[in-house]
């Protein structure tokens, strides 16, 4: 799954575009951004919390940050 359906993967100068997305799709986007990362029980707990309690623009920003960190590391 490509992450671009959910978020812009570039520096954000303002709130990222996009409307409401149901929590299961927010979780799918976050998990896509975290692909390859080994997760523990507490990590899973925080993911569940983020999916249900962060608003869409905040979740989009978090996902974008993770993706940009991944790209920065790959370009090193």
N, C-alpha and C. Protein backbone atom coordinates (compact mmCIF):
# COMPACT_ATOMS: atom_id res chain seq x y z
N UNK A 1 0.85 -1.18 0.00
CA UNK A 1 0.00 0.00 0.00
C UNK A 1 0.89 1.24 0.00
N UNK A 2 0.58 2.18 -0.83
CA UNK A 2 1.30 3.46 -0.87
C UNK A 2 0.72 4.40 0.19
N UNK A 3 1.58 5.13 0.84
CA UNK A 3 1.15 6.04 1.90
C UNK A 3 0.57 7.34 1.33
N UNK A 4 0.85 7.63 0.08
CA UNK A 4 0.42 8.90 -0.52
C UNK A 4 -1.09 9.08 -0.57
N UNK A 5 -1.86 8.02 -0.43
CA UNK A 5 -3.31 8.17 -0.41
C UNK A 5 -3.75 8.92 0.85
N UNK A 6 -2.92 8.89 1.88
CA UNK A 6 -3.30 9.47 3.17
C UNK A 6 -2.60 10.78 3.47
N UNK A 7 -1.37 10.94 3.02
CA UNK A 7 -0.58 12.07 3.47
C UNK A 7 0.40 12.54 2.40
N UNK A 8 0.74 13.81 2.48
CA UNK A 8 1.79 14.40 1.66
C UNK A 8 3.11 14.10 2.35
N UNK A 9 4.04 13.52 1.61
CA UNK A 9 5.34 13.18 2.20
C UNK A 9 6.35 14.26 1.81
N UNK A 10 6.20 15.39 2.43
CA UNK A 10 7.11 16.53 2.23
C UNK A 10 6.92 17.45 3.44
N UNK A 11 7.87 18.38 3.63
CA UNK A 11 7.74 19.28 4.78
C UNK A 11 6.39 20.01 4.77
N UNK A 12 5.77 20.07 5.91
CA UNK A 12 4.45 20.68 6.03
C UNK A 12 4.59 22.09 6.61
N UNK A 13 4.05 23.05 5.93
CA UNK A 13 4.06 24.44 6.40
C UNK A 13 2.73 24.83 7.02
N UNK A 14 1.73 23.97 6.81
CA UNK A 14 0.41 24.20 7.38
C UNK A 14 -0.26 22.85 7.55
N UNK A 15 -1.47 22.87 8.07
CA UNK A 15 -2.21 21.64 8.30
C UNK A 15 -2.28 20.82 7.01
N UNK A 16 -1.99 19.53 7.08
CA UNK A 16 -2.03 18.72 5.86
C UNK A 16 -3.46 18.59 5.32
N UNK A 17 -3.60 18.50 4.00
CA UNK A 17 -4.93 18.40 3.41
C UNK A 17 -5.56 17.04 3.68
N UNK A 18 -6.86 17.01 3.59
CA UNK A 18 -7.61 15.75 3.72
C UNK A 18 -8.66 15.87 4.80
N UNK A 19 -9.73 15.18 4.58
CA UNK A 19 -10.84 15.20 5.53
C UNK A 19 -10.79 14.01 6.48
N UNK A 20 -11.92 13.76 7.08
CA UNK A 20 -12.04 12.68 8.06
C UNK A 20 -11.77 11.33 7.42
N UNK A 21 -11.00 10.51 8.12
CA UNK A 21 -10.72 9.13 7.72
C UNK A 21 -11.04 8.26 8.93
N UNK A 22 -11.75 7.17 8.70
CA UNK A 22 -12.13 6.29 9.81
C UNK A 22 -10.89 5.69 10.47
N UNK A 23 -10.97 5.43 11.78
CA UNK A 23 -9.80 4.92 12.50
C UNK A 23 -9.11 3.70 11.88
N UNK A 24 -9.84 2.70 11.36
CA UNK A 24 -9.10 1.57 10.76
C UNK A 24 -8.21 1.99 9.58
N UNK A 25 -8.61 2.98 8.82
CA UNK A 25 -7.76 3.45 7.72
C UNK A 25 -6.60 4.29 8.24
N UNK A 26 -6.83 5.05 9.31
CA UNK A 26 -5.72 5.77 9.95
C UNK A 26 -4.68 4.78 10.46
N UNK A 27 -5.17 3.69 11.06
CA UNK A 27 -4.25 2.66 11.56
C UNK A 27 -3.47 2.04 10.41
N UNK A 28 -4.13 1.77 9.29
CA UNK A 28 -3.44 1.20 8.13
C UNK A 28 -2.33 2.13 7.64
N UNK A 29 -2.60 3.43 7.61
CA UNK A 29 -1.59 4.39 7.18
C UNK A 29 -0.42 4.43 8.16
N UNK A 30 -0.70 4.43 9.44
CA UNK A 30 0.36 4.46 10.44
C UNK A 30 1.20 3.19 10.36
N UNK A 31 0.55 2.06 10.22
CA UNK A 31 1.29 0.79 10.13
C UNK A 31 2.12 0.73 8.84
N UNK A 32 1.62 1.30 7.78
CA UNK A 32 2.41 1.36 6.55
C UNK A 32 3.66 2.20 6.78
N UNK A 33 3.52 3.32 7.47
CA UNK A 33 4.68 4.16 7.77
C UNK A 33 5.67 3.43 8.67
N UNK A 34 5.17 2.55 9.54
CA UNK A 34 6.02 1.81 10.46
C UNK A 34 6.49 0.47 9.91
N UNK A 35 6.26 0.23 8.64
CA UNK A 35 6.64 -1.06 8.04
C UNK A 35 8.10 -1.38 8.34
N UNK A 36 8.32 -2.63 8.71
CA UNK A 36 9.67 -3.08 9.01
C UNK A 36 10.13 -2.79 10.43
N UNK A 37 9.36 -2.05 11.20
CA UNK A 37 9.72 -1.72 12.59
C UNK A 37 9.16 -2.80 13.50
N UNK A 38 10.01 -3.38 14.34
CA UNK A 38 9.56 -4.37 15.31
C UNK A 38 8.80 -3.64 16.42
N UNK A 39 7.61 -4.12 16.71
CA UNK A 39 6.75 -3.47 17.70
C UNK A 39 6.56 -4.35 18.93
N UNK A 40 6.58 -3.75 20.09
CA UNK A 40 6.29 -4.45 21.34
C UNK A 40 4.87 -4.18 21.78
N UNK A 41 4.49 -4.77 22.89
CA UNK A 41 3.12 -4.64 23.40
C UNK A 41 2.77 -3.19 23.72
N UNK A 42 3.72 -2.46 24.30
CA UNK A 42 3.43 -1.06 24.63
C UNK A 42 3.34 -0.22 23.36
N UNK A 43 4.18 -0.53 22.36
CA UNK A 43 4.08 0.14 21.07
C UNK A 43 2.67 -0.04 20.49
N UNK A 44 2.17 -1.27 20.55
CA UNK A 44 0.82 -1.57 20.03
C UNK A 44 -0.24 -0.77 20.79
N UNK A 45 -0.05 -0.65 22.09
CA UNK A 45 -1.00 0.10 22.91
C UNK A 45 -1.02 1.57 22.49
N UNK A 46 0.14 2.15 22.24
CA UNK A 46 0.23 3.55 21.83
C UNK A 46 -0.33 3.73 20.43
N UNK A 47 -0.09 2.79 19.54
CA UNK A 47 -0.68 2.86 18.19
C UNK A 47 -2.19 2.89 18.29
N UNK A 48 -2.76 2.00 19.10
CA UNK A 48 -4.22 1.97 19.27
C UNK A 48 -4.72 3.29 19.84
N UNK A 49 -4.01 3.85 20.80
CA UNK A 49 -4.41 5.13 21.38
C UNK A 49 -4.37 6.23 20.32
N UNK A 50 -3.26 6.30 19.57
CA UNK A 50 -3.10 7.34 18.55
C UNK A 50 -4.23 7.29 17.51
N UNK A 51 -4.55 6.08 17.08
CA UNK A 51 -5.57 5.91 16.04
C UNK A 51 -6.93 6.45 16.49
N UNK A 52 -7.26 6.26 17.75
CA UNK A 52 -8.58 6.66 18.24
C UNK A 52 -8.62 8.07 18.83
N UNK A 53 -7.47 8.62 19.27
CA UNK A 53 -7.51 9.90 19.95
C UNK A 53 -6.87 11.06 19.22
N UNK A 54 -6.02 10.80 18.25
CA UNK A 54 -5.46 11.90 17.48
C UNK A 54 -6.42 12.27 16.36
N UNK A 55 -6.55 13.55 16.09
CA UNK A 55 -7.38 13.95 14.96
C UNK A 55 -6.63 13.65 13.67
N UNK A 56 -7.34 13.72 12.55
CA UNK A 56 -6.75 13.35 11.27
C UNK A 56 -5.54 14.19 10.89
N UNK A 57 -5.61 15.49 11.11
CA UNK A 57 -4.47 16.32 10.70
C UNK A 57 -3.23 16.00 11.53
N UNK A 58 -3.41 15.71 12.81
CA UNK A 58 -2.27 15.34 13.65
C UNK A 58 -1.72 13.98 13.22
N UNK A 59 -2.60 13.02 12.96
CA UNK A 59 -2.14 11.70 12.53
C UNK A 59 -1.43 11.79 11.18
N UNK A 60 -1.96 12.61 10.27
CA UNK A 60 -1.29 12.79 8.98
C UNK A 60 0.11 13.37 9.17
N UNK A 61 0.26 14.31 10.11
CA UNK A 61 1.56 14.90 10.37
C UNK A 61 2.53 13.85 10.93
N UNK A 62 2.06 13.03 11.86
CA UNK A 62 2.91 11.98 12.43
C UNK A 62 3.35 11.00 11.34
N UNK A 63 2.41 10.57 10.51
CA UNK A 63 2.74 9.64 9.43
C UNK A 63 3.73 10.28 8.45
N UNK A 64 3.51 11.53 8.13
CA UNK A 64 4.42 12.24 7.23
C UNK A 64 5.82 12.33 7.84
N UNK A 65 5.91 12.64 9.13
CA UNK A 65 7.21 12.71 9.80
C UNK A 65 7.94 11.36 9.74
N UNK A 66 7.22 10.29 10.01
CA UNK A 66 7.83 8.95 9.97
C UNK A 66 8.34 8.65 8.57
N UNK A 67 7.52 8.92 7.58
CA UNK A 67 7.93 8.66 6.19
C UNK A 67 9.13 9.51 5.80
N UNK A 68 9.15 10.78 6.19
CA UNK A 68 10.29 11.64 5.86
C UNK A 68 11.55 11.19 6.58
N UNK A 69 11.43 10.69 7.80
CA UNK A 69 12.58 10.15 8.51
C UNK A 69 13.11 8.91 7.78
N UNK A 70 12.21 8.08 7.30
CA UNK A 70 12.59 6.88 6.54
C UNK A 70 13.35 7.28 5.28
N UNK A 71 12.83 8.27 4.57
CA UNK A 71 13.49 8.73 3.34
C UNK A 71 14.84 9.37 3.64
N UNK A 72 14.94 10.12 4.72
CA UNK A 72 16.21 10.75 5.09
C UNK A 72 17.26 9.68 5.40
N UNK A 73 16.86 8.65 6.12
CA UNK A 73 17.78 7.57 6.46
C UNK A 73 18.22 6.82 5.20
N UNK A 74 17.29 6.59 4.30
CA UNK A 74 17.61 5.87 3.05
C UNK A 74 18.57 6.67 2.17
N UNK A 75 18.54 7.99 2.27
CA UNK A 75 19.40 8.81 1.43
C UNK A 75 20.78 9.06 2.03
N UNK A 76 21.03 8.55 3.22
CA UNK A 76 22.34 8.73 3.88
C UNK A 76 23.41 7.91 3.21
